[in-house]
Amino acid sequence: MLVRAFVPAHITAFFVPVFHDDPLKAGSLGAGINLDKGTNVFASIETGTLERHVHIAFNGEPVKREKAIISYSVADRLVPEDFLGEVEIWQYFDFPNGYGFGNSGGGALGTALALSYAFGGTWLKAAQLAHEVEVRHKGGLGDVIAQLSGGIEVRLKAGGPGIGVVDNLFFEDYLVLVIPIEKLSTKEVLDGDVVKAIEVGGRKALEKLLKEPKPERLMPIAREFAERTGLLTGELLELARELDRVLKLPSSMIMLGKSLFALVKEKELESAKTLLNDLNVPYDVAGIYEGKPKVGRWIG
């Protein structure tokens, strides 16, 4: 059997980390955007061997357990202990790992959905497991529940699927310009001194957005959060200011990656592309993904 799951990439605009001893009660408040590019997970399940084997690959390259501990931990829980066969899980990412696109959550959720489809389970249980493992290994706090919701999401209550509460903004005609520059470790940021500033700034940002819940307010609020917390500085801030000259809405920093994003209209794209090409800066353009992730048997 070959099963495919697609999970949208997820950009966090601002957030408030919420820690708890129970991983399902841990999570984040905040807001973000799901993209129509993301993580494709293919799970091949073949019986007939004398032992139980699970193998995982990223973009076609096999990875050891320590390099994919989150996805291996999900698979360990969902592949039955008495299963005799080969389970091969291929994860393909449209965006680079470590740049703030929710690849860790996408891999965890995609693996959980594909294996639950193959071995039996439900959407909620699969998503809760993905969230739990993400939190335990500090891959992220709010990506899984956000990716489960789609669209431009607002996390109103922290926690995993079934516990956290997510709402969505209405929007139309927006594309998302993304500019991945460098990696940034989620674990290092969440373990650092900046967390207090993030907590204070994130709550103020959420309060402002809820007073005027529109995409047009999301971007300036996100930018203010990124600058006031001290996360958006240096060359990345300079690049954001350059983009501001050619875009109607301000760009901001992807949380958490040394990357930028912006909500743009089609007519603005050429000016932004010209600027970025002149500066020799990499970029990509994606649509906004609405609805739940997809999972099903893969044919062809």
C-alpha atoms as a PDB file:
ATOM      1  CA  MET A   1       0.000   0.000   0.000  1.00  0.00           C
ATOM      2  CA  LEU A   2       1.192   3.510  -0.821  1.00  0.00           C
ATOM      3  CA  VAL A   3      -0.422   6.436   1.007  1.00  0.00           C
ATOM      4  CA  ARG A   4       0.162  10.124   0.342  1.00  0.00           C
ATOM      5  CA  ALA A   5      -0.467  13.018   2.731  1.00  0.00           C
ATOM      6  CA  PHE A   6      -0.060  16.728   1.975  1.00  0.00           C
ATOM      7  CA  VAL A   7       0.361  19.230   4.808  1.00  0.00           C
ATOM      8  CA  PRO A   8       0.605  22.957   4.005  1.00  0.00           C
ATOM      9  CA  ALA A   9       3.680  24.919   4.952  1.00  0.00           C
ATOM     10  CA  HIS A  10       2.844  27.275   7.799  1.00  0.00           C
ATOM     11  CA  ILE A  11       4.225  30.741   8.505  1.00  0.00           C
ATOM     12  CA  THR A  12       3.834  32.188  11.980  1.00  0.00           C
ATOM     13  CA  ALA A  13       3.404  35.976  11.985  1.00  0.00           C
ATOM     14  CA  PHE A  14       3.508  36.396  15.784  1.00  0.00           C
ATOM     15  CA  PHE A  15       3.028  34.082  18.727  1.00  0.00           C
ATOM     16  CA  VAL A  16       2.887  33.581  22.473  1.00  0.00           C
ATOM     17  CA  PRO A  17       4.485  30.331  23.680  1.00  0.00           C
ATOM     18  CA  VAL A  18       2.436  28.489  26.294  1.00  0.00           C
ATOM     19  CA  PHE A  19       4.287  25.772  28.185  1.00  0.00           C
ATOM     20  CA  HIS A  20       2.648  22.959  30.164  1.00  0.00           C
ATOM     21  CA  ASP A  21       3.662  19.599  31.588  1.00  0.00           C
ATOM     22  CA  ASP A  22       0.901  18.012  29.501  1.00  0.00           C
ATOM     23  CA  PRO A  23       2.009  18.381  25.844  1.00  0.00           C
ATOM     24  CA  LEU A  24      -1.604  18.582  24.667  1.00  0.00           C
ATOM     25  CA  LYS A  25      -2.130  21.641  26.866  1.00  0.00           C
ATOM     26  CA  ALA A  26       1.078  23.265  25.662  1.00  0.00           C
ATOM     27  CA  GLY A  27       1.043  25.250  22.449  1.00  0.00           C
ATOM     28  CA  SER A  28       0.861  28.858  21.374  1.00  0.00           C
ATOM     29  CA  LEU A  29      -1.412  31.802  20.789  1.00  0.00           C
ATOM     30  CA  GLY A  30      -0.894  33.911  17.705  1.00  0.00           C
ATOM     31  CA  ALA A  31      -1.580  34.116  14.004  1.00  0.00           C
ATOM     32  CA  GLY A  32      -0.143  32.751  10.775  1.00  0.00           C
ATOM     33  CA  ILE A  33      -0.693  31.717   7.190  1.00  0.00           C
ATOM     34  CA  ASN A  34      -0.903  28.299   5.533  1.00  0.00           C
ATOM     35  CA  LEU A  35       0.622  28.020   2.055  1.00  0.00           C
ATOM     36  CA  ASP A  36      -0.371  25.900  -0.928  1.00  0.00           C
ATOM     37  CA  LYS A  37       3.176  24.521  -0.966  1.00  0.00           C
ATOM     38  CA  GLY A  38       4.440  22.423   1.907  1.00  0.00           C
ATOM     39  CA  THR A  39       5.237  18.841   2.854  1.00  0.00           C
ATOM     40  CA  ASN A  40       4.287  15.745   0.865  1.00  0.00           C
ATOM     41  CA  VAL A  41       4.601  12.499   2.785  1.00  0.00           C
ATOM     42  CA  PHE A  42       4.490   9.119   1.065  1.00  0.00           C
ATOM     43  CA  ALA A  43       4.186   6.015   3.232  1.00  0.00           C
ATOM     44  CA  SER A  44       4.835   2.606   1.671  1.00  0.00           C
ATOM     45  CA  ILE A  45       3.649  -0.374   3.716  1.00  0.00           C
ATOM     46  CA  GLU A  46       4.699  -3.852   2.603  1.00  0.00           C
ATOM     47  CA  THR A  47       4.195  -7.068   4.549  1.00  0.00           C
ATOM     48  CA  GLY A  48       6.072 -10.358   4.312  1.00  0.00           C
ATOM     49  CA  THR A  49       9.370  -9.793   6.136  1.00  0.00           C
ATOM     50  CA  LEU A  50      10.465 -11.551   9.307  1.00  0.00           C
ATOM     51  CA  GLU A  51      10.926  -8.310  11.249  1.00  0.00           C
ATOM     52  CA  ARG A  52       9.401  -4.854  11.674  1.00  0.00           C
ATOM     53  CA  HIS A  53      11.379  -2.156   9.862  1.00  0.00           C
ATOM     54  CA  VAL A  54      10.731   1.587   9.620  1.00  0.00           C
ATOM     55  CA  HIS A  55      12.807   3.862   7.368  1.00  0.00           C
ATOM     56  CA  ILE A  56      12.472   7.624   6.804  1.00  0.00           C
ATOM     57  CA  ALA A  57      13.915   9.799   4.037  1.00  0.00           C
ATOM     58  CA  PHE A  58      13.970  13.596   3.550  1.00  0.00           C
ATOM     59  CA  ASN A  59      13.821  14.754  -0.070  1.00  0.00           C
ATOM     60  CA  GLY A  60      14.918  11.320  -1.249  1.00  0.00           C
ATOM     61  CA  GLU A  61      17.845  10.928   1.168  1.00  0.00           C
ATOM     62  CA  PRO A  62      17.629   8.377   4.032  1.00  0.00           C
ATOM     63  CA  VAL A  63      17.981   9.981   7.460  1.00  0.00           C
ATOM     64  CA  LYS A  64      19.108   8.443  10.725  1.00  0.00           C
ATOM     65  CA  ARG A  65      16.837   8.409  13.756  1.00  0.00           C
ATOM     66  CA  GLU A  66      18.662  11.236  15.535  1.00  0.00           C
ATOM     67  CA  LYS A  67      18.167  13.513  12.519  1.00  0.00           C
ATOM     68  CA  ALA A  68      14.448  12.732  12.260  1.00  0.00           C
ATOM     69  CA  ILE A  69      13.548  11.930  15.850  1.00  0.00           C
ATOM     70  CA  ILE A  70      10.113  13.575  15.617  1.00  0.00           C
ATOM     71  CA  SER A  71       8.909  11.590  12.597  1.00  0.00           C
ATOM     72  CA  TYR A  72      10.482   8.358  13.863  1.00  0.00           C
ATOM     73  CA  SER A  73       8.741   8.865  17.226  1.00  0.00           C
ATOM     74  CA  VAL A  74       5.394   9.280  15.440  1.00  0.00           C
ATOM     75  CA  ALA A  75       6.000   6.136  13.392  1.00  0.00           C
ATOM     76  CA  ASP A  76       7.035   4.145  16.473  1.00  0.00           C
ATOM     77  CA  ARG A  77       3.652   4.887  18.036  1.00  0.00           C
ATOM     78  CA  LEU A  78       1.545   4.143  14.957  1.00  0.00           C
ATOM     79  CA  VAL A  79       3.200   1.117  13.345  1.00  0.00           C
ATOM     80  CA  PRO A  80       1.925  -1.859  15.387  1.00  0.00           C
ATOM     81  CA  GLU A  81       4.611  -3.649  17.397  1.00  0.00           C
ATOM     82  CA  ASP A  82       3.563  -7.006  15.946  1.00  0.00           C
ATOM     83  CA  PHE A  83       3.692  -5.741  12.352  1.00  0.00           C
ATOM     84  CA  LEU A  84       6.068  -7.802  10.214  1.00  0.00           C
ATOM     85  CA  GLY A  85       7.048  -5.809   7.172  1.00  0.00           C
ATOM     86  CA  GLU A  86       8.706  -2.729   5.746  1.00  0.00           C
ATOM     87  CA  VAL A  87       7.408   0.801   6.347  1.00  0.00           C
ATOM     88  CA  GLU A  88       9.156   3.411   4.243  1.00  0.00           C
ATOM     89  CA  ILE A  89       8.283   7.077   4.747  1.00  0.00           C
ATOM     90  CA  TRP A  90       9.426   9.666   2.212  1.00  0.00           C
ATOM     91  CA  GLN A  91       9.028  13.311   3.130  1.00  0.00           C
ATOM     92  CA  TYR A  92       9.441  15.946   0.423  1.00  0.00           C
ATOM     93  CA  PHE A  93       9.643  19.610   1.459  1.00  0.00           C
ATOM     94  CA  ASP A  94       8.920  22.539  -0.851  1.00  0.00           C
ATOM     95  CA  PHE A  95      10.827  24.851   1.494  1.00  0.00           C
ATOM     96  CA  PRO A  96      14.179  24.336   3.269  1.00  0.00           C
ATOM     97  CA  ASN A  97      14.250  22.968   6.803  1.00  0.00           C
ATOM     98  CA  GLY A  98      14.922  25.381   9.663  1.00  0.00           C
ATOM     99  CA  TYR A  99      13.709  28.528   7.888  1.00  0.00           C
ATOM    100  CA  GLY A 100      10.318  28.859   9.609  1.00  0.00           C
ATOM    101  CA  PHE A 101       7.954  27.015   7.255  1.00  0.00           C
ATOM    102  CA  GLY A 102       6.657  24.419   9.708  1.00  0.00           C
ATOM    103  CA  ASN A 103       8.451  21.504   8.048  1.00  0.00           C
ATOM    104  CA  SER A 104       8.830  19.714  11.366  1.00  0.00           C
ATOM    105  CA  GLY A 105       5.094  19.945  12.037  1.00  0.00           C
ATOM    106  CA  GLY A 106       4.339  19.059   8.418  1.00  0.00           C
ATOM    107  CA  GLY A 107       6.496  15.954   8.574  1.00  0.00           C
ATOM    108  CA  ALA A 108       5.026  14.886  11.912  1.00  0.00           C
ATOM    109  CA  LEU A 109       1.412  15.502  10.895  1.00  0.00           C
ATOM    110  CA  GLY A 110       1.851  14.039   7.411  1.00  0.00           C
ATOM    111  CA  THR A 111       3.456  10.903   8.832  1.00  0.00           C
ATOM    112  CA  ALA A 112       0.735  10.566  11.474  1.00  0.00           C
ATOM    113  CA  LEU A 113      -2.061  10.968   8.921  1.00  0.00           C
ATOM    114  CA  ALA A 114      -0.541   8.576   6.383  1.00  0.00           C
ATOM    115  CA  LEU A 115       0.138   5.840   8.937  1.00  0.00           C
ATOM    116  CA  SER A 116      -3.241   6.297  10.622  1.00  0.00           C
ATOM    117  CA  TYR A 117      -4.880   5.938   7.206  1.00  0.00           C
ATOM    118  CA  ALA A 118      -2.925   2.724   6.598  1.00  0.00           C
ATOM    119  CA  PHE A 119      -3.157   1.097  10.019  1.00  0.00           C
ATOM    120  CA  GLY A 120      -6.389   2.601  11.357  1.00  0.00           C
ATOM    121  CA  GLY A 121      -7.042   5.750  13.361  1.00  0.00           C
ATOM    122  CA  THR A 122      -8.746   9.123  13.275  1.00  0.00           C
ATOM    123  CA  TRP A 123      -7.776  12.634  12.191  1.00  0.00           C
ATOM    124  CA  LEU A 124      -7.914  13.942  15.760  1.00  0.00           C
ATOM    125  CA  LYS A 125      -5.781  11.184  17.283  1.00  0.00           C
ATOM    126  CA  ALA A 126      -3.228  11.475  14.484  1.00  0.00           C
ATOM    127  CA  ALA A 127      -2.990  15.251  14.878  1.00  0.00           C
ATOM    128  CA  GLN A 128      -2.782  15.047  18.666  1.00  0.00           C
ATOM    129  CA  LEU A 129       0.098  12.588  18.420  1.00  0.00           C
ATOM    130  CA  ALA A 130       1.938  14.827  15.937  1.00  0.00           C
ATOM    131  CA  HIS A 131       1.478  17.833  18.243  1.00  0.00           C
ATOM    132  CA  GLU A 132       2.561  15.881  21.326  1.00  0.00           C
ATOM    133  CA  VAL A 133       5.780  14.674  19.714  1.00  0.00           C
ATOM    134  CA  GLU A 134       6.499  18.153  18.287  1.00  0.00           C
ATOM    135  CA  VAL A 135       6.207  19.695  21.749  1.00  0.00           C
ATOM    136  CA  ARG A 136       8.276  17.020  23.511  1.00  0.00           C
ATOM    137  CA  HIS A 137      11.155  17.431  21.067  1.00  0.00           C
ATOM    138  CA  LYS A 138      10.817  21.237  20.755  1.00  0.00           C
ATOM    139  CA  GLY A 139      10.122  21.161  17.044  1.00  0.00           C
ATOM    140  CA  GLY A 140       7.351  23.714  17.480  1.00  0.00           C
ATOM    141  CA  LEU A 141       4.347  24.658  19.563  1.00  0.00           C
ATOM    142  CA  GLY A 142       1.538  25.766  17.276  1.00  0.00           C
ATOM    143  CA  ASP A 143       2.264  24.559  13.749  1.00  0.00           C
ATOM    144  CA  VAL A 144       0.283  21.307  13.833  1.00  0.00           C
ATOM    145  CA  ILE A 145      -3.024  22.790  14.985  1.00  0.00           C
ATOM    146  CA  ALA A 146      -2.540  25.683  12.557  1.00  0.00           C
ATOM    147  CA  GLN A 147      -1.785  23.354   9.638  1.00  0.00           C
ATOM    148  CA  LEU A 148      -4.891  21.382  10.515  1.00  0.00           C
ATOM    149  CA  SER A 149      -6.985  24.554  10.183  1.00  0.00           C
ATOM    150  CA  GLY A 150      -5.701  26.072   6.936  1.00  0.00           C
ATOM    151  CA  GLY A 151      -6.133  29.637   5.685  1.00  0.00           C
ATOM    152  CA  ILE A 152      -4.997  32.674   7.635  1.00  0.00           C
ATOM    153  CA  GLU A 153      -5.408  31.314  11.126  1.00  0.00           C
ATOM    154  CA  VAL A 154      -5.635  32.888  14.569  1.00  0.00           C
ATOM    155  CA  ARG A 155      -4.848  30.734  17.600  1.00  0.00           C
ATOM    156  CA  LEU A 156      -7.188  31.929  20.345  1.00  0.00           C
ATOM    157  CA  LYS A 157      -6.537  29.241  22.954  1.00  0.00           C
ATOM    158  CA  ALA A 158      -3.296  27.337  23.334  1.00  0.00           C
ATOM    159  CA  GLY A 159      -3.126  23.566  23.127  1.00  0.00           C
ATOM    160  CA  GLY A 160      -3.059  20.706  20.698  1.00  0.00           C
ATOM    161  CA  PRO A 161      -5.911  19.649  18.383  1.00  0.00           C
ATOM    162  CA  GLY A 162      -9.087  19.062  20.354  1.00  0.00           C
ATOM    163  CA  ILE A 163      -7.961  21.427  23.117  1.00  0.00           C
ATOM    164  CA  GLY A 164      -6.658  24.559  21.419  1.00  0.00           C
ATOM    165  CA  VAL A 165      -9.062  26.890  19.625  1.00  0.00           C
ATOM    166  CA  VAL A 166      -8.337  28.284  16.146  1.00  0.00           C
ATOM    167  CA  ASP A 167     -10.294  30.857  14.143  1.00  0.00           C
ATOM    168  CA  ASN A 168      -9.696  32.112  10.593  1.00  0.00           C
ATOM    169  CA  LEU A 169      -9.616  35.506   8.892  1.00  0.00           C
ATOM    170  CA  PHE A 170     -11.514  36.184   5.688  1.00  0.00           C
ATOM    171  CA  PHE A 171      -9.294  37.183   2.786  1.00  0.00           C
ATOM    172  CA  GLU A 172      -9.274  37.529  -0.979  1.00  0.00           C
ATOM    173  CA  ASP A 173      -6.775  37.842  -3.831  1.00  0.00           C
ATOM    174  CA  TYR A 174      -3.620  37.681  -1.718  1.00  0.00           C
ATOM    175  CA  LEU A 175      -0.460  35.796  -2.587  1.00  0.00           C
ATOM    176  CA  VAL A 176       2.377  35.195  -0.143  1.00  0.00           C
ATOM    177  CA  LEU A 177       5.909  36.288  -1.006  1.00  0.00           C
ATOM    178  CA  VAL A 178       8.498  34.390   1.048  1.00  0.00           C
ATOM    179  CA  ILE A 179      12.220  35.103   1.301  1.00  0.00           C
ATOM    180  CA  PRO A 180      14.227  32.372   3.068  1.00  0.00           C
ATOM    181  CA  ILE A 181      17.620  33.744   4.152  1.00  0.00           C
ATOM    182  CA  GLU A 182      19.070  31.650   6.990  1.00  0.00           C
ATOM    183  CA  LYS A 183      18.166  28.917   9.465  1.00  0.00           C
ATOM    184  CA  LEU A 184      17.076  29.758  12.996  1.00  0.00           C
ATOM    185  CA  SER A 185      16.727  27.118  15.713  1.00  0.00           C
ATOM    186  CA  THR A 186      13.251  27.102  17.293  1.00  0.00           C
ATOM    187  CA  LYS A 187      14.685  25.251  20.287  1.00  0.00           C
ATOM    188  CA  GLU A 188      17.407  27.859  20.891  1.00  0.00           C
ATOM    189  CA  VAL A 189      14.920  30.747  20.750  1.00  0.00           C
ATOM    190  CA  LEU A 190      12.416  29.037  23.043  1.00  0.00           C
ATOM    191  CA  ASP A 191      15.229  28.297  25.509  1.00  0.00           C
ATOM    192  CA  GLY A 192      16.561  31.884  25.373  1.00  0.00           C
ATOM    193  CA  ASP A 193      16.018  35.159  27.240  1.00  0.00           C
ATOM    194  CA  VAL A 194      13.869  36.643  24.471  1.00  0.00           C
ATOM    195  CA  VAL A 195      10.883  34.494  25.470  1.00  0.00           C
ATOM    196  CA  LYS A 196       9.595  37.098  27.956  1.00  0.00           C
ATOM    197  CA  ALA A 197       9.560  39.809  25.300  1.00  0.00           C
ATOM    198  CA  ILE A 198       7.796  37.413  22.921  1.00  0.00           C
ATOM    199  CA  GLU A 199       5.130  36.625  25.521  1.00  0.00           C
ATOM    200  CA  VAL A 200       4.373  40.300  26.225  1.00  0.00           C
ATOM    201  CA  GLY A 201       4.546  41.405  22.602  1.00  0.00           C
ATOM    202  CA  GLY A 202       2.585  38.426  21.319  1.00  0.00           C
ATOM    203  CA  ARG A 203      -0.356  39.048  23.643  1.00  0.00           C
ATOM    204  CA  LYS A 204      -0.503  42.713  22.633  1.00  0.00           C
ATOM    205  CA  ALA A 205      -0.355  41.727  18.963  1.00  0.00           C
ATOM    206  CA  LEU A 206      -3.193  39.224  19.339  1.00  0.00           C
ATOM    207  CA  GLU A 207      -5.334  41.770  21.174  1.00  0.00           C
ATOM    208  CA  LYS A 208      -4.797  44.308  18.379  1.00  0.00           C
ATOM    209  CA  LEU A 209      -5.616  41.824  15.618  1.00  0.00           C
ATOM    210  CA  LEU A 210      -8.813  40.665  17.315  1.00  0.00           C
ATOM    211  CA  LYS A 211     -10.031  44.268  17.508  1.00  0.00           C
ATOM    212  CA  GLU A 212      -9.686  44.534  13.726  1.00  0.00           C
ATOM    213  CA  PRO A 213      -9.393  40.998  12.321  1.00  0.00           C
ATOM    214  CA  LYS A 214      -8.283  41.685   8.755  1.00  0.00           C
ATOM    215  CA  PRO A 215      -5.252  40.563   6.715  1.00  0.00           C
ATOM    216  CA  GLU A 216      -4.452  44.244   6.169  1.00  0.00           C
ATOM    217  CA  ARG A 217      -3.930  44.610   9.917  1.00  0.00           C
ATOM    218  CA  LEU A 218      -2.036  41.340  10.318  1.00  0.00           C
ATOM    219  CA  MET A 219       1.098  42.562   8.523  1.00  0.00           C
ATOM    220  CA  PRO A 220       1.738  45.841  10.389  1.00  0.00           C
ATOM    221  CA  ILE A 221       0.984  44.104  13.685  1.00  0.00           C
ATOM    222  CA  ALA A 222       3.390  41.284  12.829  1.00  0.00           C
ATOM    223  CA  ARG A 223       6.103  43.767  11.838  1.00  0.00           C
ATOM    224  CA  GLU A 224       5.737  45.702  15.077  1.00  0.00           C
ATOM    225  CA  PHE A 225       5.988  42.446  17.034  1.00  0.00           C
ATOM    226  CA  ALA A 226       9.090  41.311  15.128  1.00  0.00           C
ATOM    227  CA  GLU A 227      10.936  44.595  15.697  1.00  0.00           C
ATOM    228  CA  ARG A 228       9.919  45.199  19.321  1.00  0.00           C
ATOM    229  CA  THR A 229      10.953  41.706  20.418  1.00  0.00           C
ATOM    230  CA  GLY A 230      14.366  42.251  18.860  1.00  0.00           C
ATOM    231  CA  LEU A 231      13.986  39.246  16.580  1.00  0.00           C
ATOM    232  CA  LEU A 232      13.982  41.304  13.373  1.00  0.00           C
ATOM    233  CA  THR A 233      17.297  43.167  13.232  1.00  0.00           C
ATOM    234  CA  GLY A 234      20.356  43.796  11.099  1.00  0.00           C
ATOM    235  CA  GLU A 235      20.439  42.897   7.420  1.00  0.00           C
ATOM    236  CA  LEU A 236      17.045  41.176   7.599  1.00  0.00           C
ATOM    237  CA  LEU A 237      15.444  44.390   8.870  1.00  0.00           C
ATOM    238  CA  GLU A 238      17.210  46.381   6.151  1.00  0.00           C
ATOM    239  CA  LEU A 239      15.828  44.021   3.515  1.00  0.00           C
ATOM    240  CA  ALA A 240      12.329  44.344   5.018  1.00  0.00           C
ATOM    241  CA  ARG A 241      12.589  48.120   4.707  1.00  0.00           C
ATOM    242  CA  GLU A 242      13.653  47.795   1.071  1.00  0.00           C
ATOM    243  CA  LEU A 243      10.584  45.670   0.386  1.00  0.00           C
ATOM    244  CA  ASP A 244       8.358  48.206   2.119  1.00  0.00           C
ATOM    245  CA  ARG A 245       9.171  50.672  -0.651  1.00  0.00           C
ATOM    246  CA  VAL A 246       7.511  48.511  -3.323  1.00  0.00           C
ATOM    247  CA  LEU A 247       4.678  46.862  -1.357  1.00  0.00           C
ATOM    248  CA  LYS A 248       1.434  48.251   0.016  1.00  0.00           C
ATOM    249  CA  LEU A 249       1.578  46.208   3.242  1.00  0.00           C
ATOM    250  CA  PRO A 250       4.771  45.905   5.310  1.00  0.00           C
ATOM    251  CA  SER A 251       6.737  42.694   5.175  1.00  0.00           C
ATOM    252  CA  SER A 252       7.714  40.906   8.383  1.00  0.00           C
ATOM    253  CA  MET A 253       9.831  38.094   9.795  1.00  0.00           C
ATOM    254  CA  ILE A 254       8.748  34.474   9.707  1.00  0.00           C
ATOM    255  CA  MET A 255       8.606  33.037  13.234  1.00  0.00           C
ATOM    256  CA  LEU A 256      10.937  31.315  13.706  1.00  0.00           C
ATOM    257  CA  GLY A 257      13.396  31.593  10.853  1.00  0.00           C
ATOM    258  CA  LYS A 258      15.686  34.262   9.457  1.00  0.00           C
ATOM    259  CA  SER A 259      13.215  34.715   6.636  1.00  0.00           C
ATOM    260  CA  LEU A 260      10.702  37.324   5.520  1.00  0.00           C
ATOM    261  CA  PHE A 261       7.142  37.122   4.221  1.00  0.00           C
ATOM    262  CA  ALA A 262       4.624  39.528   2.779  1.00  0.00           C
ATOM    263  CA  LEU A 263       0.996  39.491   1.674  1.00  0.00           C
ATOM    264  CA  VAL A 264       0.923  40.828  -1.860  1.00  0.00           C
ATOM    265  CA  LYS A 265      -1.474  41.443  -4.718  1.00  0.00           C
ATOM    266  CA  GLU A 266      -0.659  40.141  -8.184  1.00  0.00           C
ATOM    267  CA  LYS A 267       0.039  43.652  -9.515  1.00  0.00           C
ATOM    268  CA  GLU A 268       2.719  44.218  -6.837  1.00  0.00           C
ATOM    269  CA  LEU A 269       4.688  41.088  -7.602  1.00  0.00           C
ATOM    270  CA  GLU A 270       6.771  42.316 -10.516  1.00  0.00           C
ATOM    271  CA  SER A 271       8.187  45.253  -8.564  1.00  0.00           C
ATOM    272  CA  ALA A 272       9.058  42.993  -5.642  1.00  0.00           C
ATOM    273  CA  LYS A 273      10.641  40.379  -7.921  1.00  0.00           C
ATOM    274  CA  THR A 274      12.714  43.017  -9.705  1.00  0.00           C
ATOM    275  CA  LEU A 275      13.992  44.368  -6.383  1.00  0.00           C
ATOM    276  CA  LEU A 276      14.892  40.935  -5.043  1.00  0.00           C
ATOM    277  CA  ASN A 277      16.566  39.892  -8.292  1.00  0.00           C
ATOM    278  CA  ASP A 278      18.627  43.099  -8.259  1.00  0.00           C
ATOM    279  CA  LEU A 279      19.683  42.330  -4.683  1.00  0.00           C
ATOM    280  CA  ASN A 280      20.386  38.672  -5.614  1.00  0.00           C
ATOM    281  CA  VAL A 281      18.057  37.483  -2.850  1.00  0.00           C
ATOM    282  CA  PRO A 282      16.182  34.138  -3.132  1.00  0.00           C
ATOM    283  CA  TYR A 283      12.382  34.185  -2.987  1.00  0.00           C
ATOM    284  CA  ASP A 284       9.282  32.143  -3.714  1.00  0.00           C
ATOM    285  CA  VAL A 285       5.612  32.895  -4.201  1.00  0.00           C
ATOM    286  CA  ALA A 286       2.752  30.753  -2.907  1.00  0.00           C
ATOM    287  CA  GLY A 287      -1.004  30.876  -2.630  1.00  0.00           C
ATOM    288  CA  ILE A 288      -2.926  30.596   0.624  1.00  0.00           C
ATOM    289  CA  TYR A 289      -4.067  27.044   1.336  1.00  0.00           C
ATOM    290  CA  GLU A 290      -7.603  26.664   2.679  1.00  0.00           C
ATOM    291  CA  GLY A 291      -9.046  23.601   4.353  1.00  0.00           C
ATOM    292  CA  LYS A 292      -7.572  20.535   6.010  1.00  0.00           C
ATOM    293  CA  PRO A 293      -4.483  18.635   4.908  1.00  0.00           C
ATOM    294  CA  LYS A 294      -5.078  15.834   2.394  1.00  0.00           C
ATOM    295  CA  VAL A 295      -4.517  12.106   2.842  1.00  0.00           C
ATOM    296  CA  GLY A 296      -5.425   9.055   0.815  1.00  0.00           C
ATOM    297  CA  ARG A 297      -4.215   6.052  -1.128  1.00  0.00           C
ATOM    298  CA  TRP A 298      -1.710   7.106  -3.783  1.00  0.00           C
ATOM    299  CA  ILE A 299      -2.024   5.748  -7.315  1.00  0.00           C
ATOM    300  CA  GLY A 300       0.605   6.782  -9.866  1.00  0.00           C
END
